[in-house]
């Protein structure tokens, strides 16, 4: 009898032990927005990677259209563009408390060129770079020791155009991303159908110099928007906006060679389209894109061994105007923000097939544009 009681006690104890070890991991979700429908700007929610649930933590006020975000290496600083015209165009710096999920404003600097829509940081943390769509330019900001931004030290204006006379009559710089080794800053220009290359030297006040030999050309009329490298650093994936195709490139010795162009939307789609964002799953097995217009869906691709893409399908995002999206660090969930329906939907990822299914979880946020995960620090 005593043996039976011991076995039963052990059987009861083991599940409890297993439960304590499978404690869910929480992350902060930092959300950049347009402030046309609200004045809060940046929002922080806590995201549970076991349940897929979101809970409100904090918000900021006073920064106009803090749409796109960049986070420093130790997640103590957040930088946002103010996507506006004239004197309100700028980049702002914030301290971030990764324990409590609270942002506090440090300072802001004007871009000196209109319409900033994207911000990124150098890998060494010395500079911030804003892509200025309206000005067709790139602004460079030195970052001080306290994380604050110094005034623009370098402004590079693009020149040229492409075949669409309505949208490509002048440069429109859309985003910037560093090469895997951090030596070259690549700059997508929707207006010229180029991803331009700039050699980076963090020891100079003006750290960028043109590297024409590494420039990347996409098909005429495609309009490159956002792009990403794989973890190995030998493949580059460009999401085009005007014709929503993904351009796949081999990347070696700072040179890109076109491998494939594949439609992000369903091949039989007849409505209004517009490519937006692009991300790889953390395990590098799948690639996802967003399509706006009347499509409002996510393109799902399997990545083959040679780096080329095979279409898996398209999944409705269930809102209008899907801009940025984010895959959580566990690879279990994909969250997508909708500019026009003021909401964020949570989808569960099947890690074997790449397919998405809506969890039923959504939150209402005014014009969400950018989603970034930061681990909660205890």
Protein backbone atom coordinates (compact mmCIF):
# COMPACT_ATOMS: atom_id res chain seq x y z
CA UNK A 1 0.00 0.00 0.00
CA UNK A 2 2.85 2.33 0.90
CA UNK A 3 4.49 1.57 -2.48
CA UNK A 4 1.27 2.46 -4.32
CA UNK A 5 1.00 5.76 -2.44
CA UNK A 6 4.63 6.58 -3.27
CA UNK A 7 4.05 5.86 -6.96
CA UNK A 8 0.91 7.99 -6.98
CA UNK A 9 2.71 10.83 -5.22
CA UNK A 10 5.57 10.68 -7.71
CA UNK A 11 3.13 10.61 -10.63
CA UNK A 12 1.44 13.71 -9.22
CA UNK A 13 4.75 15.49 -8.59
CA UNK A 14 6.31 14.93 -12.04
CA UNK A 15 3.61 16.83 -13.98
CA UNK A 16 3.96 19.73 -11.54
CA UNK A 17 7.71 19.72 -12.11
CA UNK A 18 7.18 19.68 -15.88
CA UNK A 19 4.71 22.54 -15.67
CA UNK A 20 7.12 24.75 -13.73
CA UNK A 21 9.85 24.09 -16.26
CA UNK A 22 7.61 25.05 -19.21
CA UNK A 23 7.03 28.57 -17.96
CA UNK A 24 5.93 30.82 -20.82
CA UNK A 25 8.35 33.45 -22.07
CA UNK A 26 7.08 37.03 -22.28
CA UNK A 27 8.24 39.67 -24.73
CA UNK A 28 7.49 43.34 -25.10
CA UNK A 29 5.90 44.30 -28.41
CA UNK A 30 6.80 47.90 -29.31
CA UNK A 31 4.43 49.42 -31.88
CA UNK A 32 5.09 52.42 -34.09
CA UNK A 33 2.05 54.22 -35.52
CA UNK A 34 0.65 57.11 -37.50
CA UNK A 35 -0.90 59.68 -35.17
CA UNK A 36 -3.74 60.76 -37.47
CA UNK A 37 -6.36 59.03 -35.32
CA UNK A 38 -4.62 59.30 -31.93
CA UNK A 39 -1.77 61.26 -30.30
CA UNK A 40 -0.03 58.47 -28.40
CA UNK A 41 2.48 57.49 -31.04
CA UNK A 42 4.33 54.54 -29.54
CA UNK A 43 2.61 51.69 -27.69
CA UNK A 44 4.09 48.82 -25.69
CA UNK A 45 2.22 45.56 -25.11
CA UNK A 46 3.36 42.38 -23.38
CA UNK A 47 3.16 39.28 -25.58
CA UNK A 48 2.94 35.77 -24.16
CA UNK A 49 4.59 33.20 -26.45
CA UNK A 50 2.61 30.30 -24.99
CA UNK A 51 -0.89 31.73 -25.32
CA UNK A 52 -0.39 34.35 -28.05
CA UNK A 53 -2.15 36.93 -25.85
CA UNK A 54 -1.34 40.66 -25.75
CA UNK A 55 -1.72 42.94 -22.72
CA UNK A 56 -1.23 46.71 -22.62
CA UNK A 57 1.84 48.09 -20.81
CA UNK A 58 2.49 51.73 -21.76
CA UNK A 59 2.33 54.46 -24.39
CA UNK A 60 4.01 57.74 -25.30
CA UNK A 61 2.67 61.10 -26.45
CA UNK A 62 3.83 64.07 -28.46
CA UNK A 63 5.87 62.55 -31.32
CA UNK A 64 4.22 62.92 -34.73
CA UNK A 65 3.86 59.72 -36.78
CA UNK A 66 6.59 57.64 -35.11
CA UNK A 67 6.09 54.99 -37.75
CA UNK A 68 9.20 52.87 -38.20
CA UNK A 69 11.43 51.75 -35.32
CA UNK A 70 14.97 50.55 -34.67
CA UNK A 71 16.30 49.09 -31.40
CA UNK A 72 19.93 49.08 -30.24
CA UNK A 73 21.86 45.90 -29.50
CA UNK A 74 21.13 45.72 -25.76
CA UNK A 75 17.50 46.89 -26.14
CA UNK A 76 17.99 49.96 -23.94
CA UNK A 77 17.29 52.51 -26.70
CA UNK A 78 14.53 52.83 -29.31
CA UNK A 79 14.70 55.13 -32.32
CA UNK A 80 11.72 56.20 -34.42
CA UNK A 81 11.23 58.29 -37.51
CA UNK A 82 8.63 61.06 -37.51
CA UNK A 83 7.08 60.40 -40.90
CA UNK A 84 6.02 63.94 -41.73
CA UNK A 85 6.73 66.89 -43.98
CA UNK A 86 8.75 70.04 -43.32
CA UNK A 87 10.09 70.81 -39.85
CA UNK A 88 8.28 67.88 -38.24
CA UNK A 89 10.33 65.37 -40.24
CA UNK A 90 12.81 63.85 -37.84
CA UNK A 91 14.22 60.95 -35.88
CA UNK A 92 13.62 60.58 -32.13
CA UNK A 93 15.53 58.67 -29.44
CA UNK A 94 13.95 57.00 -26.40
CA UNK A 95 15.24 55.16 -23.36
CA UNK A 96 13.56 51.78 -22.94
CA UNK A 97 13.00 49.98 -19.65
CA UNK A 98 12.98 46.34 -20.76
CA UNK A 99 11.75 45.23 -17.33
CA UNK A 100 8.61 47.37 -17.12
CA UNK A 101 8.05 48.13 -20.82
CA UNK A 102 8.25 51.92 -20.48
CA UNK A 103 9.67 54.38 -23.02
CA UNK A 104 11.03 57.79 -22.07
CA UNK A 105 11.87 60.49 -24.61
CA UNK A 106 15.53 61.56 -24.93
CA UNK A 107 15.65 63.93 -27.90
CA UNK A 108 14.78 64.44 -31.55
CA UNK A 109 16.69 65.76 -34.56
CA UNK A 110 15.31 66.94 -37.93
CA UNK A 111 16.17 64.87 -40.98
CA UNK A 112 16.63 68.08 -43.05
CA UNK A 113 14.86 66.22 -45.85
CA UNK A 114 11.13 65.41 -45.99
CA UNK A 115 9.19 62.19 -45.56
CA UNK A 116 11.38 59.85 -43.47
CA UNK A 117 9.81 56.38 -43.48
CA UNK A 118 12.47 53.99 -42.16
CA UNK A 119 15.32 54.01 -39.62
CA UNK A 120 18.17 51.61 -39.00
CA UNK A 121 21.30 51.55 -36.84
CA UNK A 122 24.89 50.66 -37.65
CA UNK A 123 26.03 47.39 -36.11
CA UNK A 124 28.60 49.25 -34.00
CA UNK A 125 25.87 51.54 -32.60
CA UNK A 126 27.59 54.75 -33.71
CA UNK A 127 25.05 56.02 -36.27
CA UNK A 128 21.36 56.05 -37.13
CA UNK A 129 20.17 56.30 -40.74
CA UNK A 130 16.79 57.53 -41.95
CA UNK A 131 15.43 56.73 -45.40
CA UNK A 132 13.56 59.82 -46.61
CA UNK A 133 10.92 58.85 -49.17
CA UNK A 134 9.73 62.39 -49.87
CA UNK A 135 13.23 63.83 -50.20
CA UNK A 136 14.69 60.89 -52.10
CA UNK A 137 17.55 60.95 -49.64
CA UNK A 138 19.39 59.37 -46.72
CA UNK A 139 20.10 61.22 -43.45
CA UNK A 140 22.95 60.16 -41.16
CA UNK A 141 22.86 60.91 -37.40
CA UNK A 142 25.76 60.31 -35.01
CA UNK A 143 24.63 58.63 -31.77
CA UNK A 144 26.10 60.06 -28.58
CA UNK A 145 27.23 58.04 -25.58
CA UNK A 146 23.94 58.56 -23.76
CA UNK A 147 21.97 57.34 -26.78
CA UNK A 148 20.84 60.81 -27.85
CA UNK A 149 21.05 61.88 -31.47
CA UNK A 150 23.42 64.55 -32.77
CA UNK A 151 22.34 66.68 -35.77
CA UNK A 152 22.64 65.23 -39.27
CA UNK A 153 26.32 64.83 -40.17
CA UNK A 154 25.73 63.58 -43.73
CA UNK A 155 22.85 63.93 -46.19
CA UNK A 156 22.96 61.91 -49.40
CA UNK A 157 20.47 62.82 -52.11
CA UNK A 158 19.75 60.31 -54.84
CA UNK A 159 19.25 61.19 -58.50
CA UNK A 160 17.47 59.46 -61.36
CA UNK A 161 14.10 57.92 -62.20
CA UNK A 162 12.52 54.88 -63.84
CA UNK A 163 9.73 53.91 -66.22
CA UNK A 164 6.58 54.75 -64.22
CA UNK A 165 6.12 58.49 -64.82
CA UNK A 166 3.59 58.89 -62.00
CA UNK A 167 5.52 57.22 -59.20
CA UNK A 168 9.08 57.00 -60.47
CA UNK A 169 9.74 60.44 -61.90
CA UNK A 170 12.24 61.05 -59.07
CA UNK A 171 14.04 59.08 -56.33
CA UNK A 172 12.05 57.72 -53.37
CA UNK A 173 14.34 56.17 -50.77
CA UNK A 174 12.31 53.58 -48.84
CA UNK A 175 14.53 51.57 -46.50
CA UNK A 176 18.10 50.74 -45.50
CA UNK A 177 19.73 47.49 -44.34
CA UNK A 178 23.34 46.58 -43.63
CA UNK A 179 25.17 43.76 -45.36
CA UNK A 180 25.66 40.73 -43.09
CA UNK A 181 29.19 41.81 -42.13
CA UNK A 182 28.14 45.44 -41.52
CA UNK A 183 30.55 46.86 -44.09
CA UNK A 184 27.96 48.12 -46.61
CA UNK A 185 24.68 49.94 -46.11
CA UNK A 186 22.19 49.02 -48.82
CA UNK A 187 19.47 51.56 -49.66
CA UNK A 188 16.26 50.64 -51.52
CA UNK A 189 15.06 53.37 -53.89
CA UNK A 190 11.54 52.82 -55.23
CA UNK A 191 11.91 55.71 -57.67
CA UNK A 192 14.98 54.43 -59.49
CA UNK A 193 14.58 50.64 -59.24
CA UNK A 194 17.97 50.33 -57.52
CA UNK A 195 19.22 49.10 -54.18
CA UNK A 196 22.24 51.38 -53.84
CA UNK A 197 25.38 50.41 -51.92
CA UNK A 198 27.39 52.64 -49.55
CA UNK A 199 30.62 51.58 -47.88
CA UNK A 200 30.50 52.22 -44.13
CA UNK A 201 33.37 53.57 -41.99
CA UNK A 202 32.26 54.18 -38.40
CA UNK A 203 35.38 56.23 -37.61
CA UNK A 204 34.37 59.06 -39.93
CA UNK A 205 31.90 61.87 -39.20
CA UNK A 206 30.48 61.24 -42.68
CA UNK A 207 30.65 57.44 -42.63
CA UNK A 208 29.17 56.58 -46.05
CA UNK A 209 30.82 56.55 -49.48
CA UNK A 210 29.17 55.32 -52.67
CA UNK A 211 30.13 51.79 -53.70
CA UNK A 212 28.74 51.66 -57.26
CA UNK A 213 30.23 48.26 -58.00
CA UNK A 214 27.92 46.73 -55.37
CA UNK A 215 24.70 48.49 -56.49
CA UNK A 216 21.80 46.12 -57.16
CA UNK A 217 19.27 46.67 -59.95
CA UNK A 218 15.77 45.21 -59.87
CA UNK A 219 13.41 44.87 -62.83
CA UNK A 220 12.10 48.16 -64.24
CA UNK A 221 8.86 49.30 -62.64
CA UNK A 222 9.16 46.94 -59.65
CA UNK A 223 9.90 49.66 -57.06
CA UNK A 224 12.07 48.05 -54.34
CA UNK A 225 10.72 48.69 -50.84
CA UNK A 226 12.09 46.42 -48.07
CA UNK A 227 14.68 43.64 -48.16
CA UNK A 228 16.41 41.11 -45.94
CA UNK A 229 19.44 38.81 -45.93
CA UNK A 230 19.33 35.20 -44.78
CA UNK A 231 21.32 34.25 -41.67
CA UNK A 232 24.13 32.67 -43.66
CA UNK A 233 24.46 35.95 -45.57
CA UNK A 234 24.62 34.42 -49.04
CA UNK A 235 21.06 35.26 -50.17
CA UNK A 236 19.20 38.56 -50.45
CA UNK A 237 15.41 38.85 -50.72
CA UNK A 238 13.90 42.12 -51.98
CA UNK A 239 10.19 42.91 -51.63
CA UNK A 240 9.03 45.20 -54.42
CA UNK A 241 6.06 47.52 -53.93
CA UNK A 242 4.76 48.55 -57.35
CA UNK A 243 4.86 45.04 -58.78
CA UNK A 244 4.67 42.86 -55.69
CA UNK A 245 7.31 40.34 -56.63
CA UNK A 246 10.12 39.04 -54.46
CA UNK A 247 13.49 39.37 -56.19
CA UNK A 248 15.91 36.69 -54.97
CA UNK A 249 19.66 37.26 -55.28
CA UNK A 250 22.79 35.21 -54.67
CA UNK A 251 25.11 37.35 -52.55
CA UNK A 252 28.87 36.86 -52.51
CA UNK A 253 31.79 39.26 -52.05
CA UNK A 254 29.42 42.23 -51.89
CA UNK A 255 27.94 41.36 -55.29
CA UNK A 256 24.34 40.28 -55.95
CA UNK A 257 23.28 38.02 -58.83
CA UNK A 258 19.60 37.59 -59.66
CA UNK A 259 18.30 34.05 -59.06
CA UNK A 260 14.51 34.39 -59.21
CA UNK A 261 11.51 36.72 -59.39
CA UNK A 262 8.30 35.34 -57.91
CA UNK A 263 4.85 36.87 -57.41
CA UNK A 264 3.99 37.58 -53.77
CA UNK A 265 0.27 37.53 -54.51
CA UNK A 266 -1.97 34.84 -55.94
CA UNK A 267 -1.32 34.44 -59.67
CA UNK A 268 -5.02 34.91 -60.52
CA UNK A 269 -5.47 38.05 -58.36
CA UNK A 270 -7.07 40.91 -60.35
CA UNK A 271 -7.52 43.75 -57.84
CA UNK A 272 -5.37 46.59 -56.54
CA UNK A 273 -2.07 45.42 -55.14
CA UNK A 274 0.98 46.83 -53.39
CA UNK A 275 3.87 44.95 -51.82
CA UNK A 276 4.94 46.02 -48.34
CA UNK A 277 7.02 44.05 -45.85
CA UNK A 278 9.24 40.96 -45.91
CA UNK A 279 10.64 38.70 -43.17
CA UNK A 280 12.21 35.28 -42.79
CA UNK A 281 11.16 32.86 -40.09
CA UNK A 282 13.80 32.58 -37.37
CA UNK A 283 14.69 29.05 -38.45
CA UNK A 284 15.29 30.30 -42.01
CA UNK A 285 12.91 27.78 -43.58
CA UNK A 286 10.11 30.14 -44.69
CA UNK A 287 9.70 33.67 -46.02
CA UNK A 288 6.64 35.90 -45.61
CA UNK A 289 5.49 39.09 -47.35
CA UNK A 290 2.53 41.46 -47.05
CA UNK A 291 0.34 42.65 -49.92
CA UNK A 292 -1.89 45.70 -49.52
CA UNK A 293 -4.47 47.36 -51.83
CA UNK A 294 -7.50 45.11 -52.11
CA UNK A 295 -5.35 41.99 -51.63
CA UNK A 296 -4.73 42.40 -47.87
CA UNK A 297 -2.91 39.12 -47.47
CA UNK A 298 0.37 37.50 -46.55
CA UNK A 299 2.42 35.61 -49.11
CA UNK A 300 3.96 32.40 -47.73
CA UNK A 301 7.05 30.82 -49.31
CA UNK A 302 9.20 27.81 -48.57
CA UNK A 303 12.92 28.43 -48.94
CA UNK A 304 14.61 25.67 -50.92
CA UNK A 305 18.21 24.51 -50.37
CA UNK A 306 19.43 26.69 -53.25
CA UNK A 307 17.76 29.77 -51.74
CA UNK A 308 14.96 29.96 -54.29
CA UNK A 309 11.35 30.28 -53.17
CA UNK A 310 8.44 27.91 -53.65
CA UNK A 311 4.98 29.42 -53.11
CA UNK A 312 3.03 27.80 -50.29
CA UNK A 313 -0.01 30.08 -50.43
CA UNK A 314 -1.61 33.36 -49.41
CA UNK A 315 -3.44 34.00 -46.13
CA UNK A 316 -5.89 36.85 -45.53
CA UNK A 317 -4.64 39.26 -42.85
CA UNK A 318 -8.32 39.98 -41.91
CA UNK A 319 -7.79 43.76 -41.95
CA UNK A 320 -6.97 46.53 -44.41
CA UNK A 321 -3.55 47.96 -45.17
CA UNK A 322 -1.15 45.35 -43.75
CA UNK A 323 2.17 47.14 -43.42
CA UNK A 324 4.87 45.77 -41.17
CA UNK A 325 4.54 42.40 -39.49
CA UNK A 326 6.69 40.47 -37.03
CA UNK A 327 7.39 36.82 -36.24
CA UNK A 328 7.84 36.24 -32.52
CA UNK A 329 11.22 34.89 -31.30
CA UNK A 330 9.80 31.39 -30.71
CA UNK A 331 8.64 31.13 -34.36
CA UNK A 332 5.17 30.16 -33.10
CA UNK A 333 3.29 33.34 -33.97
CA UNK A 334 3.09 36.02 -36.65
CA UNK A 335 1.58 39.42 -35.82
CA UNK A 336 0.43 41.84 -38.52
CA UNK A 337 -0.60 45.50 -38.16
CA UNK A 338 -3.24 47.19 -40.34
CA UNK A 339 -2.90 50.87 -41.12
CA UNK A 340 -6.51 51.40 -42.20
CA UNK A 341 -8.51 49.24 -39.80
CA UNK A 342 -6.45 50.26 -36.74
CA UNK A 343 -5.72 46.78 -35.44
CA UNK A 344 -3.17 44.01 -34.97
CA UNK A 345 -4.05 40.36 -35.58
CA UNK A 346 -2.22 37.37 -34.12
CA UNK A 347 -1.69 34.25 -36.27
CA UNK A 348 -0.23 30.92 -35.19
CA UNK A 349 2.53 29.52 -37.40
CA UNK A 350 2.81 25.86 -38.32
CA UNK A 351 6.58 25.46 -38.24
CA UNK A 352 6.51 22.42 -40.53
CA UNK A 353 4.29 23.80 -43.31
CA UNK A 354 4.71 27.56 -42.79
CA UNK A 355 0.94 28.01 -42.92
CA UNK A 356 -0.90 30.53 -40.72
CA UNK A 357 -4.12 30.32 -38.74
CA UNK A 358 -5.84 33.19 -36.93
CA UNK A 359 -5.84 32.65 -33.16
CA UNK A 360 -8.82 34.92 -32.47
CA UNK A 361 -6.54 37.40 -30.68
CA UNK A 362 -6.52 41.01 -31.89
CA UNK A 363 -5.99 44.44 -30.38
CA UNK A 364 -7.10 47.87 -31.55
CA UNK A 365 -4.30 50.38 -32.09
CA UNK A 366 -4.54 53.54 -34.21
CA UNK A 367 -2.72 53.03 -37.56
CA UNK A 368 -0.02 50.54 -36.53
CA UNK A 369 2.96 50.62 -38.88
CA UNK A 370 5.89 48.83 -37.24
CA UNK A 371 6.14 45.93 -34.75
CA UNK A 372 9.31 45.05 -32.80
CA UNK A 373 9.85 42.38 -30.12
CA UNK A 374 12.10 42.90 -27.08
CA UNK A 375 12.68 40.26 -24.40
CA UNK A 376 11.33 41.09 -20.96
CA UNK A 377 14.22 41.55 -18.52
CA UNK A 378 13.68 40.60 -14.88
